[in-house]
């Protein structure tokens, strides 16, 4: 049972018949991309150099398109304008309007990514008329020696930050984490971070494409030019506090939902199942996203719709769905995300 006291709003007339939705993946070729995404998602022919697959996106320049059922070919933003709270929930529609509130990605880093930070809602609204960007990472696979940066390892001032970026010592101030499959990191807006080479992750984030690139190891782009940095812009966005821990600790529990992250922007649970599991959404005023991390699973809703989901695929359950039954083929691992 999901913990939420907001009841479904059935007062609005439904204009479309909604069902569990899959989407065409939006593959992003980048200079640092690897070869894991196509293999993980079983996309043929496989393509190298794919750094990201946007699984569900309401970002204007990269809008998801429905892949299954009668609504196939329709864009997510068009469906949201039509279905409104029936798709995302009344609370979410009142809060985010015609913008789908989450962006779901896979990221495959063959090289170290730049050191970055994202603004919070206030700063993003003031500077870019955008939402901020709080996110989380779930490590799907990590090559031997793979690491990432999250947060500061020691206290520095904003002026020291500028100086260390200039003299190429900024990474010495960051907390470096060796990673393995199953590791989870929560990255609130303002936390400095970077994905290291050999990391293949699932990312769940606010719908925002605002990134401040702080430091890029003096690398050049394909044309030989220095990549644009936003060192000064980032200064006002950075949380300079040092925290005791940056990694999310959790204990796996087969056939029981395990909460990984809960914040105002999303709640994510890990579901590892080898037998059917019932999920009751009657009291949840939100859509639900399933990302299949391992195995395959049939998902049947209370309306009689059923969709098969395999490793690397993502499914959107509309907010007007009261319940689902998860039916794994042997063993299955899913991330379940919604907004409370």
C-alpha atoms as a PDB file:
ATOM      1  CA  UNK A   1       0.000   0.000   0.000  1.00  0.00           C
ATOM      2  CA  UNK A   2       1.409   3.393  -0.937  1.00  0.00           C
ATOM      3  CA  UNK A   3       1.466   5.908   1.856  1.00  0.00           C
ATOM      4  CA  UNK A   4      -0.596   8.900   0.702  1.00  0.00           C
ATOM      5  CA  UNK A   5      -3.776  10.516   1.939  1.00  0.00           C
ATOM      6  CA  UNK A   6      -4.720  12.355  -1.261  1.00  0.00           C
ATOM      7  CA  UNK A   7      -7.688  10.653  -2.885  1.00  0.00           C
ATOM      8  CA  UNK A   8      -8.270  10.266  -6.590  1.00  0.00           C
ATOM      9  CA  UNK A   9     -10.303  13.065  -8.154  1.00  0.00           C
ATOM     10  CA  UNK A  10     -13.049  11.545 -10.282  1.00  0.00           C
ATOM     11  CA  UNK A  11     -14.993  14.769 -10.821  1.00  0.00           C
ATOM     12  CA  UNK A  12     -13.389  15.645 -14.162  1.00  0.00           C
ATOM     13  CA  UNK A  13     -14.773  14.188 -17.383  1.00  0.00           C
ATOM     14  CA  UNK A  14     -12.168  11.972 -19.030  1.00  0.00           C
ATOM     15  CA  UNK A  15     -11.567  12.990 -22.631  1.00  0.00           C
ATOM     16  CA  UNK A  16      -9.274  10.110 -23.607  1.00  0.00           C
ATOM     17  CA  UNK A  17      -9.048   6.502 -22.584  1.00  0.00           C
ATOM     18  CA  UNK A  18      -5.766   6.087 -20.750  1.00  0.00           C
ATOM     19  CA  UNK A  19      -3.753   2.915 -20.264  1.00  0.00           C
ATOM     20  CA  UNK A  20      -0.159   2.040 -19.286  1.00  0.00           C
ATOM     21  CA  UNK A  21       2.094   3.890 -21.734  1.00  0.00           C
ATOM     22  CA  UNK A  22       5.486   3.096 -23.219  1.00  0.00           C
ATOM     23  CA  UNK A  23       7.525   5.617 -25.199  1.00  0.00           C
ATOM     24  CA  UNK A  24      10.038   5.681 -28.015  1.00  0.00           C
ATOM     25  CA  UNK A  25      13.496   6.124 -26.460  1.00  0.00           C
ATOM     26  CA  UNK A  26      15.286   9.354 -27.380  1.00  0.00           C
ATOM     27  CA  UNK A  27      18.919   8.360 -27.926  1.00  0.00           C
ATOM     28  CA  UNK A  28      21.520  11.093 -27.444  1.00  0.00           C
ATOM     29  CA  UNK A  29      24.868  10.636 -29.255  1.00  0.00           C
ATOM     30  CA  UNK A  30      27.645  12.508 -27.417  1.00  0.00           C
ATOM     31  CA  UNK A  31      31.429  12.517 -27.477  1.00  0.00           C
ATOM     32  CA  UNK A  32      31.635  10.803 -24.065  1.00  0.00           C
ATOM     33  CA  UNK A  33      28.956   8.172 -24.735  1.00  0.00           C
ATOM     34  CA  UNK A  34      29.578   4.438 -24.537  1.00  0.00           C
ATOM     35  CA  UNK A  35      28.032   1.220 -25.827  1.00  0.00           C
ATOM     36  CA  UNK A  36      25.963   0.000 -22.861  1.00  0.00           C
ATOM     37  CA  UNK A  37      22.627   1.681 -23.585  1.00  0.00           C
ATOM     38  CA  UNK A  38      21.705  -0.163 -26.785  1.00  0.00           C
ATOM     39  CA  UNK A  39      22.892  -3.451 -25.328  1.00  0.00           C
ATOM     40  CA  UNK A  40      20.970  -2.931 -22.070  1.00  0.00           C
ATOM     41  CA  UNK A  41      17.815  -1.910 -23.931  1.00  0.00           C
ATOM     42  CA  UNK A  42      18.281  -4.620 -26.582  1.00  0.00           C
ATOM     43  CA  UNK A  43      18.154  -2.086 -29.413  1.00  0.00           C
ATOM     44  CA  UNK A  44      19.251  -3.412 -32.815  1.00  0.00           C
ATOM     45  CA  UNK A  45      21.390  -2.476 -34.562  1.00  0.00           C
ATOM     46  CA  UNK A  46      23.474  -1.460 -31.563  1.00  0.00           C
ATOM     47  CA  UNK A  47      25.037   2.005 -31.699  1.00  0.00           C
ATOM     48  CA  UNK A  48      28.219   3.164 -30.014  1.00  0.00           C
ATOM     49  CA  UNK A  49      28.685   6.675 -28.614  1.00  0.00           C
ATOM     50  CA  UNK A  50      25.192   6.936 -27.106  1.00  0.00           C
ATOM     51  CA  UNK A  51      25.553   8.827 -23.821  1.00  0.00           C
ATOM     52  CA  UNK A  52      21.905   9.105 -22.832  1.00  0.00           C
ATOM     53  CA  UNK A  53      18.525   7.557 -23.530  1.00  0.00           C
ATOM     54  CA  UNK A  54      15.662   9.819 -22.493  1.00  0.00           C
ATOM     55  CA  UNK A  55      12.937   7.366 -21.539  1.00  0.00           C
ATOM     56  CA  UNK A  56      10.177   9.791 -20.532  1.00  0.00           C
ATOM     57  CA  UNK A  57      10.640  13.471 -21.293  1.00  0.00           C
ATOM     58  CA  UNK A  58       8.529  16.608 -21.260  1.00  0.00           C
ATOM     59  CA  UNK A  59      11.512  18.809 -22.140  1.00  0.00           C
ATOM     60  CA  UNK A  60      10.387  20.955 -25.112  1.00  0.00           C
ATOM     61  CA  UNK A  61      13.239  20.101 -27.508  1.00  0.00           C
ATOM     62  CA  UNK A  62      13.071  16.361 -26.674  1.00  0.00           C
ATOM     63  CA  UNK A  63       9.451  15.374 -26.163  1.00  0.00           C
ATOM     64  CA  UNK A  64       8.586  11.713 -25.685  1.00  0.00           C
ATOM     65  CA  UNK A  65       6.317  10.028 -28.206  1.00  0.00           C
ATOM     66  CA  UNK A  66       3.960   7.213 -27.188  1.00  0.00           C
ATOM     67  CA  UNK A  67       4.975   3.827 -28.609  1.00  0.00           C
ATOM     68  CA  UNK A  68       2.060   1.515 -27.725  1.00  0.00           C
ATOM     69  CA  UNK A  69      -1.689   1.233 -28.102  1.00  0.00           C
ATOM     70  CA  UNK A  70      -4.280   3.560 -29.683  1.00  0.00           C
ATOM     71  CA  UNK A  71      -2.352   6.698 -28.631  1.00  0.00           C
ATOM     72  CA  UNK A  72       0.869   5.610 -30.382  1.00  0.00           C
ATOM     73  CA  UNK A  73       2.523   8.485 -32.226  1.00  0.00           C
ATOM     74  CA  UNK A  74       1.098  11.150 -29.927  1.00  0.00           C
ATOM     75  CA  UNK A  75       3.553  13.298 -27.988  1.00  0.00           C
ATOM     76  CA  UNK A  76       3.513  13.362 -24.197  1.00  0.00           C
ATOM     77  CA  UNK A  77       2.856  17.106 -24.033  1.00  0.00           C
ATOM     78  CA  UNK A  78      -0.156  16.796 -26.341  1.00  0.00           C
ATOM     79  CA  UNK A  79      -1.602  13.995 -24.219  1.00  0.00           C
ATOM     80  CA  UNK A  80      -1.037  15.982 -21.032  1.00  0.00           C
ATOM     81  CA  UNK A  81      -2.906  18.983 -22.425  1.00  0.00           C
ATOM     82  CA  UNK A  82      -5.799  16.667 -23.280  1.00  0.00           C
ATOM     83  CA  UNK A  83      -5.875  14.352 -20.258  1.00  0.00           C
ATOM     84  CA  UNK A  84      -4.608  16.791 -17.589  1.00  0.00           C
ATOM     85  CA  UNK A  85      -5.007  15.422 -14.040  1.00  0.00           C
ATOM     86  CA  UNK A  86      -6.215  12.064 -15.339  1.00  0.00           C
ATOM     87  CA  UNK A  87      -2.662  11.515 -16.543  1.00  0.00           C
ATOM     88  CA  UNK A  88      -0.565  13.132 -13.800  1.00  0.00           C
ATOM     89  CA  UNK A  89      -2.898  13.687 -10.831  1.00  0.00           C
ATOM     90  CA  UNK A  90      -4.717  16.812  -9.667  1.00  0.00           C
ATOM     91  CA  UNK A  91      -1.972  17.900  -7.286  1.00  0.00           C
ATOM     92  CA  UNK A  92       0.682  17.568  -9.989  1.00  0.00           C
ATOM     93  CA  UNK A  93      -1.412  19.310 -12.624  1.00  0.00           C
ATOM     94  CA  UNK A  94      -2.128  22.202 -10.269  1.00  0.00           C
ATOM     95  CA  UNK A  95       1.590  22.428  -9.483  1.00  0.00           C
ATOM     96  CA  UNK A  96       3.219  21.846 -12.889  1.00  0.00           C
ATOM     97  CA  UNK A  97       0.456  22.588 -15.407  1.00  0.00           C
ATOM     98  CA  UNK A  98       1.077  21.274 -18.922  1.00  0.00           C
ATOM     99  CA  UNK A  99       4.684  20.266 -18.178  1.00  0.00           C
ATOM    100  CA  UNK A 100       5.297  16.626 -17.331  1.00  0.00           C
ATOM    101  CA  UNK A 101       7.182  16.951 -14.019  1.00  0.00           C
ATOM    102  CA  UNK A 102       9.859  14.232 -14.317  1.00  0.00           C
ATOM    103  CA  UNK A 103      12.603  13.335 -16.763  1.00  0.00           C
ATOM    104  CA  UNK A 104      13.704   9.676 -16.793  1.00  0.00           C
ATOM    105  CA  UNK A 105      17.085   8.781 -18.337  1.00  0.00           C
ATOM    106  CA  UNK A 106      19.751   6.160 -18.753  1.00  0.00           C
ATOM    107  CA  UNK A 107      23.311   7.566 -18.833  1.00  0.00           C
ATOM    108  CA  UNK A 108      26.398   5.712 -20.065  1.00  0.00           C
ATOM    109  CA  UNK A 109      29.731   7.471 -19.480  1.00  0.00           C
ATOM    110  CA  UNK A 110      32.738   6.173 -21.400  1.00  0.00           C
ATOM    111  CA  UNK A 111      34.758   9.200 -20.232  1.00  0.00           C
ATOM    112  CA  UNK A 112      34.571  11.386 -17.132  1.00  0.00           C
ATOM    113  CA  UNK A 113      31.784  13.933 -17.394  1.00  0.00           C
ATOM    114  CA  UNK A 114      32.284  17.577 -16.457  1.00  0.00           C
ATOM    115  CA  UNK A 115      31.848  18.816 -12.882  1.00  0.00           C
ATOM    116  CA  UNK A 116      28.352  20.289 -12.695  1.00  0.00           C
ATOM    117  CA  UNK A 117      25.710  21.818 -10.462  1.00  0.00           C
ATOM    118  CA  UNK A 118      22.023  22.566 -11.012  1.00  0.00           C
ATOM    119  CA  UNK A 119      20.049  25.550  -9.688  1.00  0.00           C
ATOM    120  CA  UNK A 120      17.087  25.180  -7.344  1.00  0.00           C
ATOM    121  CA  UNK A 121      13.550  26.237  -8.247  1.00  0.00           C
ATOM    122  CA  UNK A 122      14.005  29.830  -7.062  1.00  0.00           C
ATOM    123  CA  UNK A 123      17.210  30.511  -8.980  1.00  0.00           C
ATOM    124  CA  UNK A 124      16.090  28.606 -12.084  1.00  0.00           C
ATOM    125  CA  UNK A 125      12.837  30.574 -12.188  1.00  0.00           C
ATOM    126  CA  UNK A 126      14.658  33.882 -11.708  1.00  0.00           C
ATOM    127  CA  UNK A 127      17.338  33.246 -14.331  1.00  0.00           C
ATOM    128  CA  UNK A 128      15.747  30.881 -16.844  1.00  0.00           C
ATOM    129  CA  UNK A 129      11.990  30.799 -16.160  1.00  0.00           C
ATOM    130  CA  UNK A 130      12.486  27.079 -15.565  1.00  0.00           C
ATOM    131  CA  UNK A 131      12.088  24.500 -12.832  1.00  0.00           C
ATOM    132  CA  UNK A 132      15.179  23.648 -10.824  1.00  0.00           C
ATOM    133  CA  UNK A 133      16.860  20.277 -11.009  1.00  0.00           C
ATOM    134  CA  UNK A 134      16.919  17.833  -8.128  1.00  0.00           C
ATOM    135  CA  UNK A 135      17.803  14.304  -9.207  1.00  0.00           C
ATOM    136  CA  UNK A 136      18.866  10.829  -8.139  1.00  0.00           C
ATOM    137  CA  UNK A 137      21.175   8.171  -9.570  1.00  0.00           C
ATOM    138  CA  UNK A 138      20.821   4.395  -9.440  1.00  0.00           C
ATOM    139  CA  UNK A 139      24.007   2.648 -10.584  1.00  0.00           C
ATOM    140  CA  UNK A 140      23.070  -0.147 -12.977  1.00  0.00           C
ATOM    141  CA  UNK A 141      26.625  -1.194 -13.758  1.00  0.00           C
ATOM    142  CA  UNK A 142      30.095   0.060 -12.873  1.00  0.00           C
ATOM    143  CA  UNK A 143      33.339  -0.939 -14.561  1.00  0.00           C
ATOM    144  CA  UNK A 144      36.284  -1.848 -12.301  1.00  0.00           C
ATOM    145  CA  UNK A 145      37.641   1.343 -10.767  1.00  0.00           C
ATOM    146  CA  UNK A 146      34.603   3.440 -11.716  1.00  0.00           C
ATOM    147  CA  UNK A 147      33.791   6.394  -9.482  1.00  0.00           C
ATOM    148  CA  UNK A 148      31.696   9.527  -9.292  1.00  0.00           C
ATOM    149  CA  UNK A 149      31.802  12.830  -7.448  1.00  0.00           C
ATOM    150  CA  UNK A 150      29.017  13.966  -5.143  1.00  0.00           C
ATOM    151  CA  UNK A 151      29.368  16.858  -2.699  1.00  0.00           C
ATOM    152  CA  UNK A 152      32.359  18.410  -0.968  1.00  0.00           C
ATOM    153  CA  UNK A 153      34.996  16.534   0.971  1.00  0.00           C
ATOM    154  CA  UNK A 154      36.115  19.669   2.820  1.00  0.00           C
ATOM    155  CA  UNK A 155      34.752  23.124   3.530  1.00  0.00           C
ATOM    156  CA  UNK A 156      35.617  25.876   1.060  1.00  0.00           C
ATOM    157  CA  UNK A 157      34.346  29.412   0.552  1.00  0.00           C
ATOM    158  CA  UNK A 158      32.852  30.765  -2.682  1.00  0.00           C
ATOM    159  CA  UNK A 159      36.054  32.703  -3.340  1.00  0.00           C
ATOM    160  CA  UNK A 160      38.192  29.590  -2.752  1.00  0.00           C
ATOM    161  CA  UNK A 161      35.927  27.738  -5.154  1.00  0.00           C
ATOM    162  CA  UNK A 162      36.702  30.212  -7.948  1.00  0.00           C
ATOM    163  CA  UNK A 163      40.419  30.009  -7.228  1.00  0.00           C
ATOM    164  CA  UNK A 164      40.543  26.193  -7.221  1.00  0.00           C
ATOM    165  CA  UNK A 165      38.716  26.039 -10.546  1.00  0.00           C
ATOM    166  CA  UNK A 166      41.251  28.455 -12.036  1.00  0.00           C
ATOM    167  CA  UNK A 167      44.269  26.517 -10.771  1.00  0.00           C
ATOM    168  CA  UNK A 168      42.839  23.067 -11.641  1.00  0.00           C
ATOM    169  CA  UNK A 169      42.608  21.813  -8.033  1.00  0.00           C
ATOM    170  CA  UNK A 170      38.806  21.903  -7.648  1.00  0.00           C
ATOM    171  CA  UNK A 171      38.356  18.127  -7.814  1.00  0.00           C
ATOM    172  CA  UNK A 172      40.625  17.830  -4.745  1.00  0.00           C
ATOM    173  CA  UNK A 173      37.852  19.459  -2.737  1.00  0.00           C
ATOM    174  CA  UNK A 174      35.129  17.032  -3.852  1.00  0.00           C
ATOM    175  CA  UNK A 175      33.979  13.757  -2.316  1.00  0.00           C
ATOM    176  CA  UNK A 176      34.993  10.886  -4.592  1.00  0.00           C
ATOM    177  CA  UNK A 177      32.919   7.699  -4.375  1.00  0.00           C
ATOM    178  CA  UNK A 178      33.936   4.303  -5.736  1.00  0.00           C
ATOM    179  CA  UNK A 179      30.730   2.744  -7.057  1.00  0.00           C
ATOM    180  CA  UNK A 180      29.172  -0.614  -7.741  1.00  0.00           C
ATOM    181  CA  UNK A 181      25.881  -1.930  -9.096  1.00  0.00           C
ATOM    182  CA  UNK A 182      22.938  -0.946  -6.907  1.00  0.00           C
ATOM    183  CA  UNK A 183      24.490   2.181  -5.389  1.00  0.00           C
ATOM    184  CA  UNK A 184      22.105   5.118  -4.976  1.00  0.00           C
ATOM    185  CA  UNK A 185      22.912   8.831  -4.762  1.00  0.00           C
ATOM    186  CA  UNK A 186      20.404  11.603  -4.089  1.00  0.00           C
ATOM    187  CA  UNK A 187      21.459  14.918  -5.617  1.00  0.00           C
ATOM    188  CA  UNK A 188      19.401  17.880  -4.409  1.00  0.00           C
ATOM    189  CA  UNK A 189      19.740  21.058  -6.454  1.00  0.00           C
ATOM    190  CA  UNK A 190      22.955  22.797  -5.434  1.00  0.00           C
ATOM    191  CA  UNK A 191      25.041  19.673  -4.902  1.00  0.00           C
ATOM    192  CA  UNK A 192      28.203  19.614  -7.030  1.00  0.00           C
ATOM    193  CA  UNK A 193      28.557  16.298  -8.856  1.00  0.00           C
ATOM    194  CA  UNK A 194      30.005  14.426 -11.824  1.00  0.00           C
ATOM    195  CA  UNK A 195      29.693  10.942 -13.311  1.00  0.00           C
ATOM    196  CA  UNK A 196      32.982   9.137 -13.852  1.00  0.00           C
ATOM    197  CA  UNK A 197      34.068   6.917 -16.728  1.00  0.00           C
ATOM    198  CA  UNK A 198      32.630   3.402 -16.589  1.00  0.00           C
ATOM    199  CA  UNK A 199      29.384   4.374 -14.827  1.00  0.00           C
ATOM    200  CA  UNK A 200      26.065   3.259 -16.317  1.00  0.00           C
ATOM    201  CA  UNK A 201      23.183   4.724 -14.360  1.00  0.00           C
ATOM    202  CA  UNK A 202      19.460   5.405 -14.297  1.00  0.00           C
ATOM    203  CA  UNK A 203      18.636   9.023 -13.510  1.00  0.00           C
ATOM    204  CA  UNK A 204      15.335  10.388 -12.208  1.00  0.00           C
ATOM    205  CA  UNK A 205      15.095  14.179 -12.115  1.00  0.00           C
ATOM    206  CA  UNK A 206      12.890  17.220 -12.253  1.00  0.00           C
ATOM    207  CA  UNK A 207      11.967  18.299 -15.754  1.00  0.00           C
ATOM    208  CA  UNK A 208      14.747  20.770 -16.405  1.00  0.00           C
ATOM    209  CA  UNK A 209      17.675  20.949 -18.789  1.00  0.00           C
ATOM    210  CA  UNK A 210      19.514  23.678 -16.850  1.00  0.00           C
ATOM    211  CA  UNK A 211      23.087  22.655 -16.054  1.00  0.00           C
ATOM    212  CA  UNK A 212      26.003  24.817 -14.948  1.00  0.00           C
ATOM    213  CA  UNK A 213      29.283  23.305 -16.109  1.00  0.00           C
ATOM    214  CA  UNK A 214      31.862  24.248 -13.489  1.00  0.00           C
ATOM    215  CA  UNK A 215      35.006  22.471 -14.633  1.00  0.00           C
ATOM    216  CA  UNK A 216      35.890  20.233 -17.571  1.00  0.00           C
ATOM    217  CA  UNK A 217      39.514  19.209 -17.032  1.00  0.00           C
ATOM    218  CA  UNK A 218      40.661  21.694 -19.739  1.00  0.00           C
ATOM    219  CA  UNK A 219      39.173  19.430 -22.423  1.00  0.00           C
ATOM    220  CA  UNK A 220      38.361  20.541 -25.956  1.00  0.00           C
ATOM    221  CA  UNK A 221      35.285  19.821 -28.061  1.00  0.00           C
ATOM    222  CA  UNK A 222      35.343  18.025 -31.406  1.00  0.00           C
ATOM    223  CA  UNK A 223      36.382  21.281 -33.131  1.00  0.00           C
ATOM    224  CA  UNK A 224      39.262  21.833 -30.718  1.00  0.00           C
ATOM    225  CA  UNK A 225      37.597  24.648 -28.787  1.00  0.00           C
ATOM    226  CA  UNK A 226      37.396  24.842 -24.979  1.00  0.00           C
ATOM    227  CA  UNK A 227      33.944  23.813 -23.771  1.00  0.00           C
ATOM    228  CA  UNK A 228      31.850  26.609 -22.297  1.00  0.00           C
ATOM    229  CA  UNK A 229      32.026  26.880 -18.508  1.00  0.00           C
ATOM    230  CA  UNK A 230      29.549  28.536 -16.145  1.00  0.00           C
ATOM    231  CA  UNK A 231      31.867  28.899 -13.158  1.00  0.00           C
ATOM    232  CA  UNK A 232      30.591  32.297 -12.041  1.00  0.00           C
ATOM    233  CA  UNK A 233      26.914  31.457 -12.666  1.00  0.00           C
ATOM    234  CA  UNK A 234      27.341  28.297 -10.608  1.00  0.00           C
ATOM    235  CA  UNK A 235      28.691  30.114  -7.563  1.00  0.00           C
ATOM    236  CA  UNK A 236      25.236  31.286  -6.433  1.00  0.00           C
ATOM    237  CA  UNK A 237      23.736  27.833  -7.076  1.00  0.00           C
ATOM    238  CA  UNK A 238      26.237  25.735  -5.098  1.00  0.00           C
ATOM    239  CA  UNK A 239      25.524  24.320  -1.649  1.00  0.00           C
ATOM    240  CA  UNK A 240      28.946  24.707  -0.008  1.00  0.00           C
ATOM    241  CA  UNK A 241      28.026  22.691   3.101  1.00  0.00           C
ATOM    242  CA  UNK A 242      29.893  19.461   3.875  1.00  0.00           C
ATOM    243  CA  UNK A 243      27.660  16.503   4.802  1.00  0.00           C
ATOM    244  CA  UNK A 244      28.469  13.303   6.678  1.00  0.00           C
ATOM    245  CA  UNK A 245      27.180  11.088   3.908  1.00  0.00           C
ATOM    246  CA  UNK A 246      26.240  11.536   0.260  1.00  0.00           C
ATOM    247  CA  UNK A 247      25.346   7.955  -0.579  1.00  0.00           C
ATOM    248  CA  UNK A 248      21.909   6.486   0.163  1.00  0.00           C
ATOM    249  CA  UNK A 249      22.053   3.415   2.361  1.00  0.00           C
ATOM    250  CA  UNK A 250      19.304   0.838   2.005  1.00  0.00           C
ATOM    251  CA  UNK A 251      18.739  -2.853   2.573  1.00  0.00           C
ATOM    252  CA  UNK A 252      17.377  -5.053  -0.186  1.00  0.00           C
ATOM    253  CA  UNK A 253      14.192  -6.916   0.692  1.00  0.00           C
ATOM    254  CA  UNK A 254      12.903  -9.382  -1.897  1.00  0.00           C
ATOM    255  CA  UNK A 255       9.156  -9.081  -2.599  1.00  0.00           C
ATOM    256  CA  UNK A 256       8.845  -5.962  -0.420  1.00  0.00           C
ATOM    257  CA  UNK A 257       9.058  -2.348  -1.652  1.00  0.00           C
ATOM    258  CA  UNK A 258      12.218  -0.592  -0.420  1.00  0.00           C
ATOM    259  CA  UNK A 259      12.153   3.210  -0.273  1.00  0.00           C
ATOM    260  CA  UNK A 260      15.296   4.740  -1.788  1.00  0.00           C
ATOM    261  CA  UNK A 261      14.461   8.451  -2.045  1.00  0.00           C
ATOM    262  CA  UNK A 262      11.611  10.640  -0.844  1.00  0.00           C
ATOM    263  CA  UNK A 263      11.641  14.363  -1.587  1.00  0.00           C
ATOM    264  CA  UNK A 264       9.110  16.994  -2.716  1.00  0.00           C
ATOM    265  CA  UNK A 265       9.854  16.186  -6.366  1.00  0.00           C
ATOM    266  CA  UNK A 266       9.672  12.379  -6.412  1.00  0.00           C
ATOM    267  CA  UNK A 267       9.585   9.236  -4.322  1.00  0.00           C
ATOM    268  CA  UNK A 268      11.412   6.177  -5.620  1.00  0.00           C
ATOM    269  CA  UNK A 269      11.213   2.595  -4.424  1.00  0.00           C
ATOM    270  CA  UNK A 270      13.128  -0.514  -5.424  1.00  0.00           C
ATOM    271  CA  UNK A 271      10.999  -3.573  -6.182  1.00  0.00           C
ATOM    272  CA  UNK A 272      12.835  -6.885  -6.467  1.00  0.00           C
ATOM    273  CA  UNK A 273      10.268  -9.616  -7.010  1.00  0.00           C
ATOM    274  CA  UNK A 274      10.089 -13.290  -7.876  1.00  0.00           C
ATOM    275  CA  UNK A 275       6.346 -13.650  -7.308  1.00  0.00           C
ATOM    276  CA  UNK A 276       3.259 -11.499  -8.102  1.00  0.00           C
ATOM    277  CA  UNK A 277       2.974  -8.212  -6.226  1.00  0.00           C
ATOM    278  CA  UNK A 278      -0.103  -6.011  -5.831  1.00  0.00           C
ATOM    279  CA  UNK A 279       0.335  -2.211  -5.846  1.00  0.00           C
ATOM    280  CA  UNK A 280      -2.640  -0.142  -4.667  1.00  0.00           C
ATOM    281  CA  UNK A 281      -2.785   3.458  -5.921  1.00  0.00           C
ATOM    282  CA  UNK A 282      -6.340   4.312  -4.874  1.00  0.00           C
ATOM    283  CA  UNK A 283      -5.119   6.931  -2.400  1.00  0.00           C
ATOM    284  CA  UNK A 284      -2.250   8.256  -4.546  1.00  0.00           C
ATOM    285  CA  UNK A 285      -2.829  11.466  -6.508  1.00  0.00           C
ATOM    286  CA  UNK A 286      -0.020  10.860  -9.000  1.00  0.00           C
ATOM    287  CA  UNK A 287       1.130   8.948 -12.032  1.00  0.00           C
ATOM    288  CA  UNK A 288       3.579   6.082 -11.421  1.00  0.00           C
ATOM    289  CA  UNK A 289       6.688   5.268 -13.482  1.00  0.00           C
ATOM    290  CA  UNK A 290       8.226   1.802 -13.648  1.00  0.00           C
ATOM    291  CA  UNK A 291      11.772   1.328 -14.950  1.00  0.00           C
ATOM    292  CA  UNK A 292      12.698  -2.308 -15.524  1.00  0.00           C
ATOM    293  CA  UNK A 293      16.283  -2.794 -14.383  1.00  0.00           C
ATOM    294  CA  UNK A 294      16.506  -6.565 -14.688  1.00  0.00           C
ATOM    295  CA  UNK A 295      14.480  -9.444 -16.077  1.00  0.00           C
ATOM    296  CA  UNK A 296      10.966  -8.937 -17.411  1.00  0.00           C
ATOM    297  CA  UNK A 297       7.565  -8.354 -15.876  1.00  0.00           C
ATOM    298  CA  UNK A 298       3.953  -8.140 -16.997  1.00  0.00           C
ATOM    299  CA  UNK A 299       2.052  -5.236 -15.446  1.00  0.00           C
ATOM    300  CA  UNK A 300      -1.733  -5.509 -15.316  1.00  0.00           C
ATOM    301  CA  UNK A 301      -3.944  -2.633 -14.176  1.00  0.00           C
ATOM    302  CA  UNK A 302      -7.384  -2.653 -12.566  1.00  0.00           C
ATOM    303  CA  UNK A 303      -9.003  -1.832 -15.941  1.00  0.00           C
ATOM    304  CA  UNK A 304      -7.762  -5.065 -17.515  1.00  0.00           C
ATOM    305  CA  UNK A 305      -4.873  -3.536 -19.489  1.00  0.00           C
ATOM    306  CA  UNK A 306      -1.631  -5.512 -19.495  1.00  0.00           C
ATOM    307  CA  UNK A 307       1.806  -4.496 -20.744  1.00  0.00           C
ATOM    308  CA  UNK A 308       4.974  -6.579 -20.773  1.00  0.00           C
ATOM    309  CA  UNK A 309       8.070  -4.737 -19.633  1.00  0.00           C
ATOM    310  CA  UNK A 310      11.596  -6.043 -20.121  1.00  0.00           C
ATOM    311  CA  UNK A 311      15.006  -4.869 -18.991  1.00  0.00           C
ATOM    312  CA  UNK A 312      15.733  -1.341 -20.171  1.00  0.00           C
ATOM    313  CA  UNK A 313      12.104  -0.376 -20.749  1.00  0.00           C
ATOM    314  CA  UNK A 314      10.053   2.260 -18.922  1.00  0.00           C
ATOM    315  CA  UNK A 315       6.302   2.415 -18.333  1.00  0.00           C
ATOM    316  CA  UNK A 316       4.021   5.292 -17.314  1.00  0.00           C
ATOM    317  CA  UNK A 317       0.922   4.361 -15.284  1.00  0.00           C
ATOM    318  CA  UNK A 318      -1.692   7.157 -15.525  1.00  0.00           C
ATOM    319  CA  UNK A 319      -2.897   8.763 -12.305  1.00  0.00           C
ATOM    320  CA  UNK A 320      -6.465   7.521 -12.789  1.00  0.00           C
ATOM    321  CA  UNK A 321      -5.281   3.923 -12.333  1.00  0.00           C
ATOM    322  CA  UNK A 322      -6.354   2.479  -8.980  1.00  0.00           C
ATOM    323  CA  UNK A 323      -4.108  -0.581  -8.803  1.00  0.00           C
ATOM    324  CA  UNK A 324      -1.650  -2.763 -10.665  1.00  0.00           C
ATOM    325  CA  UNK A 325      -0.455  -6.340 -10.385  1.00  0.00           C
ATOM    326  CA  UNK A 326       3.188  -7.030 -11.148  1.00  0.00           C
ATOM    327  CA  UNK A 327       3.773 -10.475 -12.637  1.00  0.00           C
ATOM    328  CA  UNK A 328       7.499 -11.241 -12.930  1.00  0.00           C
ATOM    329  CA  UNK A 329       8.961 -13.763 -15.300  1.00  0.00           C
ATOM    330  CA  UNK A 330      11.196 -15.533 -12.774  1.00  0.00           C
ATOM    331  CA  UNK A 331      13.040 -12.606 -11.160  1.00  0.00           C
ATOM    332  CA  UNK A 332      12.516  -8.941 -11.952  1.00  0.00           C
ATOM    333  CA  UNK A 333      13.943  -5.687 -10.603  1.00  0.00           C
ATOM    334  CA  UNK A 334      12.018  -2.424 -11.013  1.00  0.00           C
ATOM    335  CA  UNK A 335      12.341   1.169  -9.906  1.00  0.00           C
ATOM    336  CA  UNK A 336       8.953   2.652  -9.016  1.00  0.00           C
ATOM    337  CA  UNK A 337       8.619   6.448  -8.958  1.00  0.00           C
ATOM    338  CA  UNK A 338       5.755   8.852  -8.233  1.00  0.00           C
ATOM    339  CA  UNK A 339       5.153  12.231  -6.598  1.00  0.00           C
ATOM    340  CA  UNK A 340       3.574  12.402  -3.148  1.00  0.00           C
END
